Amino acid sequence: MRLVRRGLLLAGIAVSALAMPTLLALPAVPAQAASAAQAAAPVGPVQRLDNALIEVMKNAEALKFQGRYDKLAPVLSAVFDVPSMTKIAVGPMWNDATPEDQKAMVEVFGRYMTTMYAARFNGYGGETFEIADSKERDGGRVLVITKLIRKDKEPVELSYLMKGEGDNWHVTDVYYNGSISQLAQLRSEFAGSLRDGGVKKLKSVLEDKIKQLQGGA
């Protein structure tokens, strides 16, 4: 398997609780249990992503590129806050784009991320994912730390910066080995295209990259 190092992008699990009037008659949930549930909420989407990646890897050859893409697309679109990530990756020039161009950019950025995952998670060698830890960050965000366990190799740490509340959490950035920000890398990669022709130019460049990845998958 070729591990995604640049542009890891990776349909969160949102557990809804219906508030019924009879709830008032139930015993109060212990503070410790409530705290545990709150801590688990940001981990759910990451666990769903990990499970989807393992499934795709195990069935990579049978699925082919398009099958892997179709399996991952709904998961990635729900796990990641694609609009926010697109805006951050584009940077200051985002505000210069029209609403129509912004919408088109979000759409192609989402397809670009999914294409990268489908192209690169294309085989299985006994890998597993492990949720190692979760840590609170400023602004109410949570960093969920995972490890990709590989046979006869050092584990790879992938950390997901989560933002949300209640049961609704999404990835807003991914860090490779604890320090390399996906969005910082993409922003650097996009700078030249944006300088040459703004969001329209970047959209065209990403369309070309998508075709290249599909061709090599």
N, C-alpha and C. Protein backbone atom coordinates (compact mmCIF):
# COMPACT_ATOMS: atom_id res chain seq x y z
N MET A 1 0.83 -1.20 0.00
CA MET A 1 0.00 0.00 0.00
C MET A 1 0.85 1.24 0.00
N ARG A 2 0.48 2.19 -0.84
CA ARG A 2 1.17 3.47 -0.81
C ARG A 2 0.43 4.38 0.15
N LEU A 3 1.09 4.77 1.20
CA LEU A 3 0.46 5.58 2.22
C LEU A 3 0.32 7.01 1.77
N VAL A 4 -0.82 7.58 2.03
CA VAL A 4 -1.03 8.97 1.70
C VAL A 4 -0.25 9.84 2.66
N ARG A 5 0.74 10.61 2.14
CA ARG A 5 1.51 11.51 3.00
C ARG A 5 1.15 12.96 2.74
N ARG A 6 0.70 13.23 1.50
CA ARG A 6 0.38 14.62 1.18
C ARG A 6 -1.07 14.66 0.76
N GLY A 7 -1.79 15.40 1.44
CA GLY A 7 -3.18 15.51 1.08
C GLY A 7 -4.04 14.42 1.67
N LEU A 8 -3.65 13.95 2.84
CA LEU A 8 -4.52 13.00 3.47
C LEU A 8 -5.84 13.70 3.78
N LEU A 9 -6.75 13.29 3.30
CA LEU A 9 -7.98 13.91 3.54
C LEU A 9 -8.97 12.92 4.07
N LEU A 10 -9.42 12.63 4.59
CA LEU A 10 -10.13 11.62 4.90
C LEU A 10 -11.58 12.12 5.31
N ALA A 11 -18.43 11.78 7.10
CA ALA A 11 -19.31 10.82 7.20
C ALA A 11 -19.19 10.36 8.60
N GLY A 12 -19.09 11.32 9.41
CA GLY A 12 -18.95 11.01 10.81
C GLY A 12 -20.10 10.19 11.35
N ILE A 13 -19.88 9.52 12.49
CA ILE A 13 -20.93 8.78 13.17
C ILE A 13 -21.62 9.76 14.11
N ALA A 14 -22.86 10.10 13.82
CA ALA A 14 -23.60 11.03 14.67
C ALA A 14 -24.74 10.27 15.33
N VAL A 15 -24.65 10.06 16.63
CA VAL A 15 -25.67 9.30 17.35
C VAL A 15 -26.69 10.27 17.91
N SER A 16 -27.92 10.21 17.42
CA SER A 16 -28.96 11.16 17.82
C SER A 16 -29.75 10.60 19.00
N ALA A 17 -30.03 11.45 19.97
CA ALA A 17 -30.84 11.05 21.11
C ALA A 17 -32.14 11.83 21.09
N LEU A 18 -33.28 11.15 21.12
CA LEU A 18 -34.57 11.81 21.08
C LEU A 18 -34.98 12.19 22.49
N ALA A 19 -35.27 13.46 22.69
CA ALA A 19 -35.65 13.94 24.01
C ALA A 19 -37.15 13.73 24.19
N MET A 20 -37.57 12.77 25.03
CA MET A 20 -38.96 12.45 25.27
C MET A 20 -39.36 13.00 26.64
N PRO A 21 -40.63 13.35 26.81
CA PRO A 21 -41.07 13.87 28.11
C PRO A 21 -40.80 12.90 29.25
N THR A 22 -40.91 11.57 28.99
CA THR A 22 -40.71 10.59 30.05
C THR A 22 -39.28 10.58 30.57
N LEU A 23 -38.40 11.27 29.87
CA LEU A 23 -37.00 11.32 30.30
C LEU A 23 -36.87 11.91 31.68
N LEU A 24 -37.83 12.77 32.06
CA LEU A 24 -37.76 13.42 33.35
C LEU A 24 -37.89 12.42 34.49
N ALA A 25 -38.51 11.28 34.21
CA ALA A 25 -38.72 10.29 35.26
C ALA A 25 -37.54 9.34 35.40
N LEU A 26 -36.57 9.43 34.48
CA LEU A 26 -35.44 8.52 34.52
C LEU A 26 -34.37 9.04 35.48
N PRO A 27 -33.55 8.16 36.00
CA PRO A 27 -32.46 8.60 36.88
C PRO A 27 -31.49 9.48 36.12
N ALA A 28 -30.89 10.41 36.79
CA ALA A 28 -29.90 11.29 36.17
C ALA A 28 -28.68 10.48 35.77
N VAL A 29 -28.10 10.82 34.60
CA VAL A 29 -26.89 10.15 34.14
C VAL A 29 -25.72 10.61 34.99
N PRO A 30 -24.94 9.71 35.55
CA PRO A 30 -23.78 10.12 36.35
C PRO A 30 -22.85 11.02 35.56
N ALA A 31 -22.24 11.98 36.24
CA ALA A 31 -21.36 12.94 35.56
C ALA A 31 -20.23 12.24 34.84
N GLN A 32 -19.70 11.18 35.44
CA GLN A 32 -18.58 10.48 34.84
C GLN A 32 -18.99 9.84 33.52
N ALA A 33 -20.20 9.25 33.48
CA ALA A 33 -20.69 8.61 32.26
C ALA A 33 -20.93 9.64 31.18
N ALA A 34 -21.52 10.79 31.56
CA ALA A 34 -21.78 11.85 30.59
C ALA A 34 -20.47 12.35 30.00
N SER A 35 -19.47 12.52 30.87
CA SER A 35 -18.17 13.00 30.40
C SER A 35 -17.55 12.02 29.42
N ALA A 36 -17.69 10.72 29.71
CA ALA A 36 -17.14 9.70 28.82
C ALA A 36 -17.82 9.74 27.46
N ALA A 37 -19.15 9.95 27.46
CA ALA A 37 -19.88 10.02 26.20
C ALA A 37 -19.45 11.23 25.39
N GLN A 38 -19.24 12.36 26.06
CA GLN A 38 -18.79 13.56 25.37
C GLN A 38 -17.41 13.36 24.77
N ALA A 39 -16.54 12.68 25.50
CA ALA A 39 -15.19 12.46 25.01
C ALA A 39 -15.19 11.52 23.82
N ALA A 40 -16.16 10.58 23.78
CA ALA A 40 -16.20 9.59 22.71
C ALA A 40 -16.75 10.17 21.41
N ALA A 41 -17.54 11.22 21.50
CA ALA A 41 -18.21 11.74 20.30
C ALA A 41 -17.25 12.12 19.17
N PRO A 42 -16.15 12.84 19.42
CA PRO A 42 -15.24 13.18 18.33
C PRO A 42 -14.51 11.98 17.74
N VAL A 43 -14.44 10.89 18.50
CA VAL A 43 -13.72 9.70 18.04
C VAL A 43 -14.54 8.90 17.02
N GLY A 44 -15.86 8.98 17.13
CA GLY A 44 -16.74 8.20 16.27
C GLY A 44 -16.48 8.36 14.78
N PRO A 45 -16.43 9.61 14.27
CA PRO A 45 -16.17 9.78 12.85
C PRO A 45 -14.82 9.22 12.41
N VAL A 46 -13.81 9.34 13.26
CA VAL A 46 -12.48 8.82 12.92
C VAL A 46 -12.52 7.30 12.86
N GLN A 47 -13.25 6.68 13.79
CA GLN A 47 -13.38 5.22 13.77
C GLN A 47 -14.09 4.76 12.51
N ARG A 48 -15.10 5.51 12.09
CA ARG A 48 -15.81 5.16 10.86
C ARG A 48 -14.88 5.26 9.65
N LEU A 49 -14.08 6.31 9.61
CA LEU A 49 -13.11 6.46 8.52
C LEU A 49 -12.12 5.31 8.51
N ASP A 50 -11.57 4.98 9.68
CA ASP A 50 -10.61 3.87 9.77
C ASP A 50 -11.22 2.57 9.26
N ASN A 51 -12.45 2.29 9.68
CA ASN A 51 -13.11 1.05 9.26
C ASN A 51 -13.31 1.02 7.74
N ALA A 52 -13.69 2.16 7.17
CA ALA A 52 -13.91 2.23 5.73
C ALA A 52 -12.61 2.01 4.97
N LEU A 53 -11.52 2.59 5.47
CA LEU A 53 -10.23 2.43 4.80
C LEU A 53 -9.76 0.98 4.83
N ILE A 54 -9.93 0.32 5.97
CA ILE A 54 -9.52 -1.09 6.07
C ILE A 54 -10.35 -1.94 5.12
N GLU A 55 -11.64 -1.69 5.07
CA GLU A 55 -12.51 -2.46 4.17
C GLU A 55 -12.09 -2.28 2.71
N VAL A 56 -11.81 -1.03 2.33
CA VAL A 56 -11.39 -0.75 0.96
C VAL A 56 -10.05 -1.40 0.66
N MET A 57 -9.13 -1.35 1.61
CA MET A 57 -7.81 -1.94 1.39
C MET A 57 -7.91 -3.45 1.21
N LYS A 58 -8.73 -4.08 2.04
CA LYS A 58 -8.86 -5.54 1.97
C LYS A 58 -9.48 -5.99 0.64
N ASN A 59 -10.32 -5.14 0.06
CA ASN A 59 -11.03 -5.50 -1.17
C ASN A 59 -10.58 -4.67 -2.36
N ALA A 60 -9.38 -4.11 -2.26
CA ALA A 60 -8.91 -3.15 -3.25
C ALA A 60 -8.90 -3.70 -4.66
N GLU A 61 -8.39 -4.90 -4.85
CA GLU A 61 -8.27 -5.44 -6.19
C GLU A 61 -9.64 -5.74 -6.80
N ALA A 62 -10.54 -6.27 -6.01
CA ALA A 62 -11.87 -6.59 -6.52
C ALA A 62 -12.67 -5.32 -6.82
N LEU A 63 -12.50 -4.31 -6.00
CA LEU A 63 -13.26 -3.07 -6.18
C LEU A 63 -12.76 -2.25 -7.36
N LYS A 64 -11.47 -2.33 -7.64
CA LYS A 64 -10.85 -1.46 -8.63
C LYS A 64 -10.96 0.00 -8.16
N PHE A 65 -10.43 0.91 -8.97
CA PHE A 65 -10.43 2.31 -8.53
C PHE A 65 -11.84 2.84 -8.29
N GLN A 66 -12.74 2.64 -9.26
CA GLN A 66 -14.07 3.25 -9.14
C GLN A 66 -14.83 2.69 -7.95
N GLY A 67 -14.67 1.40 -7.68
CA GLY A 67 -15.34 0.81 -6.53
C GLY A 67 -14.82 1.38 -5.23
N ARG A 68 -13.51 1.58 -5.16
CA ARG A 68 -12.93 2.18 -3.95
C ARG A 68 -13.43 3.61 -3.79
N TYR A 69 -13.48 4.34 -4.88
CA TYR A 69 -13.98 5.72 -4.84
C TYR A 69 -15.42 5.76 -4.33
N ASP A 70 -16.26 4.89 -4.89
CA ASP A 70 -17.68 4.88 -4.52
C ASP A 70 -17.88 4.51 -3.05
N LYS A 71 -17.02 3.63 -2.53
CA LYS A 71 -17.12 3.25 -1.12
C LYS A 71 -16.70 4.38 -0.20
N LEU A 72 -15.66 5.11 -0.60
CA LEU A 72 -15.08 6.13 0.28
C LEU A 72 -15.78 7.48 0.19
N ALA A 73 -16.36 7.80 -0.96
CA ALA A 73 -16.92 9.14 -1.16
C ALA A 73 -17.93 9.56 -0.09
N PRO A 74 -18.94 8.74 0.23
CA PRO A 74 -19.90 9.18 1.26
C PRO A 74 -19.30 9.28 2.65
N VAL A 75 -18.30 8.44 2.93
CA VAL A 75 -17.66 8.49 4.24
C VAL A 75 -16.83 9.76 4.39
N LEU A 76 -16.02 10.05 3.38
CA LEU A 76 -15.16 11.23 3.45
C LEU A 76 -15.97 12.52 3.47
N SER A 77 -17.04 12.57 2.69
CA SER A 77 -17.83 13.80 2.63
C SER A 77 -18.52 14.10 3.94
N ALA A 78 -18.79 13.06 4.74
CA ALA A 78 -19.44 13.26 6.03
C ALA A 78 -18.45 13.41 7.18
N VAL A 79 -17.31 12.74 7.08
CA VAL A 79 -16.31 12.83 8.15
C VAL A 79 -15.60 14.17 8.12
N PHE A 80 -15.29 14.68 6.93
CA PHE A 80 -14.54 15.92 6.80
C PHE A 80 -15.45 17.12 6.60
N ASP A 81 -15.06 18.24 7.18
CA ASP A 81 -15.73 19.52 6.92
C ASP A 81 -15.11 20.09 5.65
N VAL A 82 -15.57 19.58 4.50
CA VAL A 82 -14.94 19.92 3.23
C VAL A 82 -15.00 21.42 2.93
N PRO A 83 -16.13 22.11 3.12
CA PRO A 83 -16.15 23.55 2.84
C PRO A 83 -15.11 24.33 3.64
N SER A 84 -15.03 24.05 4.94
CA SER A 84 -14.06 24.78 5.78
C SER A 84 -12.63 24.45 5.38
N MET A 85 -12.36 23.18 5.07
CA MET A 85 -11.01 22.79 4.68
C MET A 85 -10.63 23.41 3.34
N THR A 86 -11.59 23.50 2.43
CA THR A 86 -11.32 24.14 1.14
C THR A 86 -10.95 25.60 1.33
N LYS A 87 -11.72 26.29 2.15
CA LYS A 87 -11.48 27.71 2.41
C LYS A 87 -10.10 27.93 3.01
N ILE A 88 -9.70 27.08 3.96
CA ILE A 88 -8.40 27.23 4.59
C ILE A 88 -7.28 26.93 3.61
N ALA A 89 -7.46 25.88 2.79
CA ALA A 89 -6.42 25.50 1.83
C ALA A 89 -6.22 26.57 0.77
N VAL A 90 -7.29 27.23 0.37
CA VAL A 90 -7.19 28.31 -0.64
C VAL A 90 -6.55 29.55 -0.03
N GLY A 91 -6.90 29.86 1.20
CA GLY A 91 -6.29 31.02 1.86
C GLY A 91 -6.99 32.33 1.54
N PRO A 92 -6.27 33.47 1.63
CA PRO A 92 -6.88 34.78 1.48
C PRO A 92 -7.63 35.00 0.16
N MET A 93 -7.21 34.33 -0.91
CA MET A 93 -7.86 34.54 -2.21
C MET A 93 -9.26 33.96 -2.26
N TRP A 94 -9.63 33.21 -1.24
CA TRP A 94 -10.99 32.68 -1.17
C TRP A 94 -12.01 33.83 -1.20
N ASN A 95 -11.71 34.91 -0.52
CA ASN A 95 -12.64 36.04 -0.44
C ASN A 95 -12.77 36.79 -1.75
N ASP A 96 -11.83 36.57 -2.67
CA ASP A 96 -11.90 37.23 -3.98
C ASP A 96 -12.76 36.47 -4.97
N ALA A 97 -13.09 35.22 -4.64
CA ALA A 97 -13.87 34.38 -5.55
C ALA A 97 -15.36 34.67 -5.41
N THR A 98 -16.10 34.49 -6.51
CA THR A 98 -17.55 34.64 -6.47
C THR A 98 -18.17 33.46 -5.72
N PRO A 99 -19.39 33.60 -5.21
CA PRO A 99 -20.05 32.46 -4.55
C PRO A 99 -20.13 31.23 -5.45
N GLU A 100 -20.33 31.46 -6.74
CA GLU A 100 -20.41 30.34 -7.68
C GLU A 100 -19.06 29.62 -7.78
N ASP A 101 -17.98 30.40 -7.87
CA ASP A 101 -16.64 29.80 -7.95
C ASP A 101 -16.27 29.11 -6.64
N GLN A 102 -16.69 29.66 -5.52
CA GLN A 102 -16.44 29.02 -4.23
C GLN A 102 -17.13 27.67 -4.15
N LYS A 103 -18.38 27.62 -4.58
CA LYS A 103 -19.14 26.37 -4.57
C LYS A 103 -18.48 25.32 -5.46
N ALA A 104 -18.04 25.75 -6.65
CA ALA A 104 -17.38 24.83 -7.58
C ALA A 104 -16.06 24.34 -7.00
N MET A 105 -15.35 25.21 -6.29
CA MET A 105 -14.08 24.84 -5.71
C MET A 105 -14.26 23.80 -4.61
N VAL A 106 -15.27 23.97 -3.77
CA VAL A 106 -15.56 22.99 -2.72
C VAL A 106 -15.86 21.63 -3.33
N GLU A 107 -16.61 21.63 -4.42
CA GLU A 107 -16.98 20.37 -5.06
C GLU A 107 -15.75 19.64 -5.61
N VAL A 108 -14.89 20.35 -6.31
CA VAL A 108 -13.72 19.70 -6.91
C VAL A 108 -12.69 19.32 -5.83
N PHE A 109 -12.60 20.11 -4.78
CA PHE A 109 -11.69 19.79 -3.68
C PHE A 109 -12.12 18.48 -3.02
N GLY A 110 -13.42 18.31 -2.81
CA GLY A 110 -13.92 17.08 -2.24
C GLY A 110 -13.63 15.88 -3.12
N ARG A 111 -13.80 16.03 -4.43
CA ARG A 111 -13.50 14.93 -5.35
C ARG A 111 -12.00 14.64 -5.39
N TYR A 112 -11.20 15.68 -5.28
CA TYR A 112 -9.75 15.51 -5.28
C TYR A 112 -9.31 14.69 -4.06
N MET A 113 -9.84 15.00 -2.91
CA MET A 113 -9.48 14.26 -1.70
C MET A 113 -9.89 12.80 -1.82
N THR A 114 -11.11 12.57 -2.26
CA THR A 114 -11.60 11.20 -2.39
C THR A 114 -10.78 10.43 -3.41
N THR A 115 -10.42 11.08 -4.50
CA THR A 115 -9.62 10.43 -5.54
C THR A 115 -8.26 10.02 -4.99
N MET A 116 -7.66 10.87 -4.17
CA MET A 116 -6.36 10.53 -3.59
C MET A 116 -6.46 9.31 -2.69
N TYR A 117 -7.48 9.26 -1.88
CA TYR A 117 -7.64 8.10 -1.01
C TYR A 117 -7.89 6.84 -1.83
N ALA A 118 -8.78 6.92 -2.83
CA ALA A 118 -9.11 5.75 -3.63
C ALA A 118 -7.90 5.25 -4.41
N ALA A 119 -7.04 6.18 -4.86
CA ALA A 119 -5.88 5.81 -5.65
C ALA A 119 -4.77 5.21 -4.80
N ARG A 120 -4.65 5.66 -3.56
CA ARG A 120 -3.48 5.30 -2.76
C ARG A 120 -3.74 4.20 -1.74
N PHE A 121 -4.96 4.06 -1.29
CA PHE A 121 -5.27 2.94 -0.41
C PHE A 121 -5.73 1.78 -1.30
N ASN A 122 -4.77 1.22 -2.01
CA ASN A 122 -5.07 0.29 -3.10
C ASN A 122 -4.54 -1.12 -2.88
N GLY A 123 -4.31 -1.48 -1.62
CA GLY A 123 -3.84 -2.82 -1.32
C GLY A 123 -3.82 -3.06 0.17
N TYR A 124 -3.65 -4.32 0.55
CA TYR A 124 -3.70 -4.67 1.98
C TYR A 124 -2.55 -5.60 2.34
N GLY A 125 -1.85 -5.26 3.41
CA GLY A 125 -0.75 -6.08 3.88
C GLY A 125 -0.84 -6.35 5.37
N GLY A 126 -2.09 -6.50 5.87
CA GLY A 126 -2.28 -6.78 7.29
C GLY A 126 -2.32 -5.55 8.17
N GLU A 127 -2.49 -4.37 7.58
CA GLU A 127 -2.51 -3.13 8.36
C GLU A 127 -3.75 -3.05 9.25
N THR A 128 -3.61 -2.36 10.37
CA THR A 128 -4.74 -2.07 11.25
C THR A 128 -4.62 -0.63 11.75
N PHE A 129 -5.74 -0.06 12.14
CA PHE A 129 -5.74 1.27 12.75
C PHE A 129 -6.02 1.13 14.24
N GLU A 130 -5.42 2.01 15.01
CA GLU A 130 -5.62 2.03 16.45
C GLU A 130 -5.87 3.46 16.90
N ILE A 131 -6.95 3.68 17.64
CA ILE A 131 -7.19 4.99 18.25
C ILE A 131 -6.32 5.08 19.49
N ALA A 132 -5.32 5.94 19.45
CA ALA A 132 -4.33 5.99 20.53
C ALA A 132 -4.73 6.93 21.66
N ASP A 133 -5.37 8.07 21.31
CA ASP A 133 -5.63 9.07 22.35
C ASP A 133 -6.52 10.16 21.76
N SER A 134 -7.09 10.98 22.61
CA SER A 134 -7.79 12.19 22.18
C SER A 134 -7.48 13.29 23.19
N LYS A 135 -7.22 14.48 22.68
CA LYS A 135 -6.80 15.58 23.54
C LYS A 135 -7.59 16.84 23.20
N GLU A 136 -7.97 17.57 24.23
CA GLU A 136 -8.67 18.83 24.01
C GLU A 136 -7.70 19.88 23.49
N ARG A 137 -8.20 20.70 22.57
CA ARG A 137 -7.43 21.80 22.01
C ARG A 137 -8.21 23.10 22.18
N ASP A 138 -7.59 24.22 21.87
CA ASP A 138 -8.25 25.51 22.03
C ASP A 138 -9.47 25.59 21.11
N GLY A 139 -10.39 26.49 21.48
CA GLY A 139 -11.59 26.70 20.68
C GLY A 139 -12.57 25.55 20.72
N GLY A 140 -12.48 24.69 21.75
CA GLY A 140 -13.40 23.58 21.87
C GLY A 140 -13.12 22.43 20.92
N ARG A 141 -11.96 22.46 20.26
CA ARG A 141 -11.62 21.40 19.33
C ARG A 141 -10.98 20.22 20.06
N VAL A 142 -10.93 19.08 19.37
CA VAL A 142 -10.36 17.87 19.94
C VAL A 142 -9.43 17.24 18.91
N LEU A 143 -8.26 16.81 19.34
CA LEU A 143 -7.31 16.13 18.48
C LEU A 143 -7.41 14.63 18.76
N VAL A 144 -7.84 13.87 17.75
CA VAL A 144 -7.94 12.42 17.87
C VAL A 144 -6.71 11.81 17.21
N ILE A 145 -5.94 11.08 18.00
CA ILE A 145 -4.66 10.53 17.53
C ILE A 145 -4.84 9.05 17.20
N THR A 146 -4.51 8.67 15.98
CA THR A 146 -4.58 7.28 15.56
C THR A 146 -3.21 6.81 15.11
N LYS A 147 -3.07 5.50 15.06
CA LYS A 147 -1.84 4.91 14.55
C LYS A 147 -2.18 3.86 13.51
N LEU A 148 -1.47 3.93 12.39
CA LEU A 148 -1.58 2.90 11.37
C LEU A 148 -0.49 1.87 11.67
N ILE A 149 -0.92 0.69 12.09
CA ILE A 149 0.01 -0.38 12.47
C ILE A 149 0.33 -1.20 11.22
N ARG A 150 1.63 -1.29 10.92
CA ARG A 150 2.08 -2.01 9.73
C ARG A 150 3.02 -3.14 10.13
N LYS A 151 2.93 -4.27 9.47
CA LYS A 151 3.79 -5.40 9.77
C LYS A 151 5.25 -5.09 9.48
N ASP A 152 6.09 -5.35 10.47
CA ASP A 152 7.54 -5.20 10.32
C ASP A 152 7.97 -3.77 10.00
N LYS A 153 7.12 -2.79 10.31
CA LYS A 153 7.46 -1.39 10.09
C LYS A 153 7.00 -0.57 11.28
N GLU A 154 7.58 0.61 11.41
CA GLU A 154 7.16 1.51 12.47
C GLU A 154 5.73 1.99 12.23
N PRO A 155 4.93 2.13 13.28
CA PRO A 155 3.58 2.67 13.11
C PRO A 155 3.63 4.11 12.56
N VAL A 156 2.61 4.49 11.85
CA VAL A 156 2.48 5.84 11.33
C VAL A 156 1.39 6.55 12.13
N GLU A 157 1.70 7.71 12.69
CA GLU A 157 0.72 8.45 13.48
C GLU A 157 -0.05 9.41 12.58
N LEU A 158 -1.36 9.32 12.64
CA LEU A 158 -2.24 10.22 11.92
C LEU A 158 -3.18 10.86 12.94
N SER A 159 -3.14 12.17 13.04
CA SER A 159 -3.95 12.88 14.03
C SER A 159 -5.00 13.73 13.31
N TYR A 160 -6.23 13.67 13.81
CA TYR A 160 -7.34 14.37 13.19
C TYR A 160 -7.83 15.48 14.12
N LEU A 161 -7.80 16.70 13.63
CA LEU A 161 -8.30 17.83 14.41
C LEU A 161 -9.80 17.93 14.19
N MET A 162 -10.56 17.74 15.24
CA MET A 162 -12.01 17.67 15.16
C MET A 162 -12.65 18.95 15.71
N LYS A 163 -13.72 19.36 15.06
CA LYS A 163 -14.48 20.52 15.54
C LYS A 163 -15.96 20.17 15.49
N GLY A 164 -16.69 20.54 16.53
CA GLY A 164 -18.11 20.28 16.55
C GLY A 164 -18.67 20.43 17.95
N GLU A 165 -19.84 19.86 18.15
CA GLU A 165 -20.46 19.86 19.46
C GLU A 165 -21.48 18.73 19.52
N GLY A 166 -21.80 18.31 20.72
CA GLY A 166 -22.74 17.21 20.88
C GLY A 166 -22.24 15.97 20.16
N ASP A 167 -23.09 15.45 19.27
CA ASP A 167 -22.72 14.27 18.50
C ASP A 167 -22.30 14.62 17.08
N ASN A 168 -22.14 15.89 16.78
CA ASN A 168 -21.86 16.34 15.42
C ASN A 168 -20.44 16.89 15.32
N TRP A 169 -19.49 16.04 14.91
CA TRP A 169 -18.09 16.41 14.83
C TRP A 169 -17.53 16.09 13.45
N HIS A 170 -16.62 16.95 12.99
CA HIS A 170 -16.01 16.75 11.68
C HIS A 170 -14.51 17.05 11.74
N VAL A 171 -13.78 16.41 10.84
CA VAL A 171 -12.35 16.67 10.71
C VAL A 171 -12.13 18.01 10.03
N THR A 172 -11.24 18.83 10.59
CA THR A 172 -10.90 20.11 9.97
C THR A 172 -9.44 20.18 9.53
N ASP A 173 -8.63 19.21 9.94
CA ASP A 173 -7.25 19.11 9.45
C ASP A 173 -6.71 17.74 9.86
N VAL A 174 -5.67 17.30 9.16
CA VAL A 174 -5.02 16.03 9.45
C VAL A 174 -3.53 16.30 9.61
N TYR A 175 -2.93 15.67 10.62
CA TYR A 175 -1.51 15.85 10.88
C TYR A 175 -0.80 14.51 10.73
N TYR A 176 0.26 14.51 9.94
CA TYR A 176 1.05 13.31 9.72
C TYR A 176 2.21 13.27 10.71
N ASN A 177 2.31 12.17 11.43
CA ASN A 177 3.34 12.02 12.47
C ASN A 177 3.35 13.17 13.46
N GLY A 178 2.17 13.68 13.74
CA GLY A 178 1.99 14.64 14.81
C GLY A 178 2.29 16.09 14.50
N SER A 179 2.88 16.38 13.34
CA SER A 179 3.30 17.77 13.12
C SER A 179 3.06 18.30 11.71
N ILE A 180 2.91 17.45 10.72
CA ILE A 180 2.79 17.92 9.34
C ILE A 180 1.32 18.11 9.00
N SER A 181 0.90 19.36 8.86
CA SER A 181 -0.49 19.68 8.59
C SER A 181 -0.82 19.48 7.11
N GLN A 182 -1.86 18.74 6.87
CA GLN A 182 -2.33 18.52 5.51
C GLN A 182 -2.70 19.84 4.83
N LEU A 183 -3.46 20.67 5.55
CA LEU A 183 -3.93 21.91 4.94
C LEU A 183 -2.78 22.88 4.68
N ALA A 184 -1.79 22.88 5.56
CA ALA A 184 -0.62 23.74 5.32
C ALA A 184 0.11 23.29 4.06
N GLN A 185 0.22 21.99 3.86
CA GLN A 185 0.87 21.47 2.66
C GLN A 185 0.08 21.84 1.41
N LEU A 186 -1.23 21.63 1.47
CA LEU A 186 -2.05 21.93 0.31
C LEU A 186 -2.04 23.42 -0.02
N ARG A 187 -2.07 24.23 1.02
CA ARG A 187 -2.04 25.67 0.80
C ARG A 187 -0.76 26.09 0.09
N SER A 188 0.35 25.47 0.46
CA SER A 188 1.62 25.75 -0.21
C SER A 188 1.58 25.26 -1.66
N GLU A 189 1.02 24.07 -1.89
CA GLU A 189 0.93 23.53 -3.24
C GLU A 189 0.03 24.38 -4.13
N PHE A 190 -1.02 24.93 -3.56
CA PHE A 190 -2.01 25.67 -4.35
C PHE A 190 -1.57 27.09 -4.67
N ALA A 191 -0.58 27.59 -3.95
CA ALA A 191 -0.21 29.01 -4.04
C ALA A 191 0.10 29.46 -5.47
N GLY A 192 0.87 28.66 -6.21
CA GLY A 192 1.25 29.04 -7.55
C GLY A 192 0.06 29.16 -8.48
N SER A 193 -0.83 28.18 -8.45
CA SER A 193 -2.02 28.22 -9.31
C SER A 193 -2.91 29.40 -8.96
N LEU A 194 -3.08 29.66 -7.68
CA LEU A 194 -3.91 30.79 -7.26
C LEU A 194 -3.30 32.11 -7.71
N ARG A 195 -1.99 32.20 -7.62
CA ARG A 195 -1.31 33.42 -8.04
C ARG A 195 -1.46 33.63 -9.55
N ASP A 196 -1.47 32.53 -10.32
CA ASP A 196 -1.56 32.63 -11.77
C ASP A 196 -2.96 32.92 -12.29
N GLY A 197 -3.98 32.43 -11.53
CA GLY A 197 -5.32 32.62 -12.08
C GLY A 197 -6.44 32.47 -11.09
N GLY A 198 -6.14 32.63 -9.81
CA GLY A 198 -7.18 32.57 -8.80
C GLY A 198 -7.82 31.20 -8.66
N VAL A 199 -9.03 31.19 -8.10
CA VAL A 199 -9.73 29.95 -7.81
C VAL A 199 -10.06 29.18 -9.09
N LYS A 200 -10.39 29.90 -10.17
CA LYS A 200 -10.70 29.24 -11.44
C LYS A 200 -9.50 28.42 -11.93
N LYS A 201 -8.31 28.98 -11.83
CA LYS A 201 -7.10 28.28 -12.25
C LYS A 201 -6.85 27.06 -11.38
N LEU A 202 -7.00 27.23 -10.07
CA LEU A 202 -6.78 26.12 -9.16
C LEU A 202 -7.76 24.98 -9.44
N LYS A 203 -9.01 25.32 -9.71
CA LYS A 203 -10.00 24.30 -10.02
C LYS A 203 -9.57 23.49 -11.24
N SER A 204 -9.08 24.16 -12.26
CA SER A 204 -8.62 23.49 -13.48
C SER A 204 -7.44 22.57 -13.18
N VAL A 205 -6.52 23.04 -12.36
CA VAL A 205 -5.35 22.24 -11.99
C VAL A 205 -5.78 20.98 -11.23
N LEU A 206 -6.72 21.12 -10.31
CA LEU A 206 -7.17 19.96 -9.54
C LEU A 206 -7.91 18.96 -10.43
N GLU A 207 -8.65 19.44 -11.40
CA GLU A 207 -9.32 18.53 -12.35
C GLU A 207 -8.27 17.69 -13.09
N ASP A 208 -7.17 18.32 -13.47
CA ASP A 208 -6.09 17.59 -14.15
C ASP A 208 -5.45 16.56 -13.22
N LYS A 209 -5.25 16.95 -11.97
CA LYS A 209 -4.66 16.03 -11.00
C LYS A 209 -5.56 14.83 -10.76
N ILE A 210 -6.86 15.06 -10.73
CA ILE A 210 -7.81 13.97 -10.55
C ILE A 210 -7.69 12.96 -11.70
N LYS A 211 -7.61 13.47 -12.92
CA LYS A 211 -7.47 12.59 -14.08
C LYS A 211 -6.17 11.79 -14.02
N GLN A 212 -5.11 12.44 -13.58
CA GLN A 212 -3.81 11.75 -13.48
C GLN A 212 -3.87 10.62 -12.45
N LEU A 213 -4.49 10.90 -11.30
CA LEU A 213 -4.60 9.89 -10.26
C LEU A 213 -5.48 8.72 -10.71
N GLN A 214 -6.56 9.03 -11.41
CA GLN A 214 -7.43 7.98 -11.92
C GLN A 214 -6.69 7.10 -12.92
N GLY A 215 -5.88 7.72 -13.74
CA GLY A 215 -5.14 6.97 -14.75
C GLY A 215 -4.09 6.06 -14.18
N GLY A 216 -3.54 6.45 -13.01
CA GLY A 216 -2.49 5.64 -12.41
C GLY A 216 -2.98 4.69 -11.35
N ALA A 217 -4.30 4.68 -11.12
CA ALA A 217 -4.86 3.84 -10.04
C ALA A 217 -4.92 2.38 -10.46
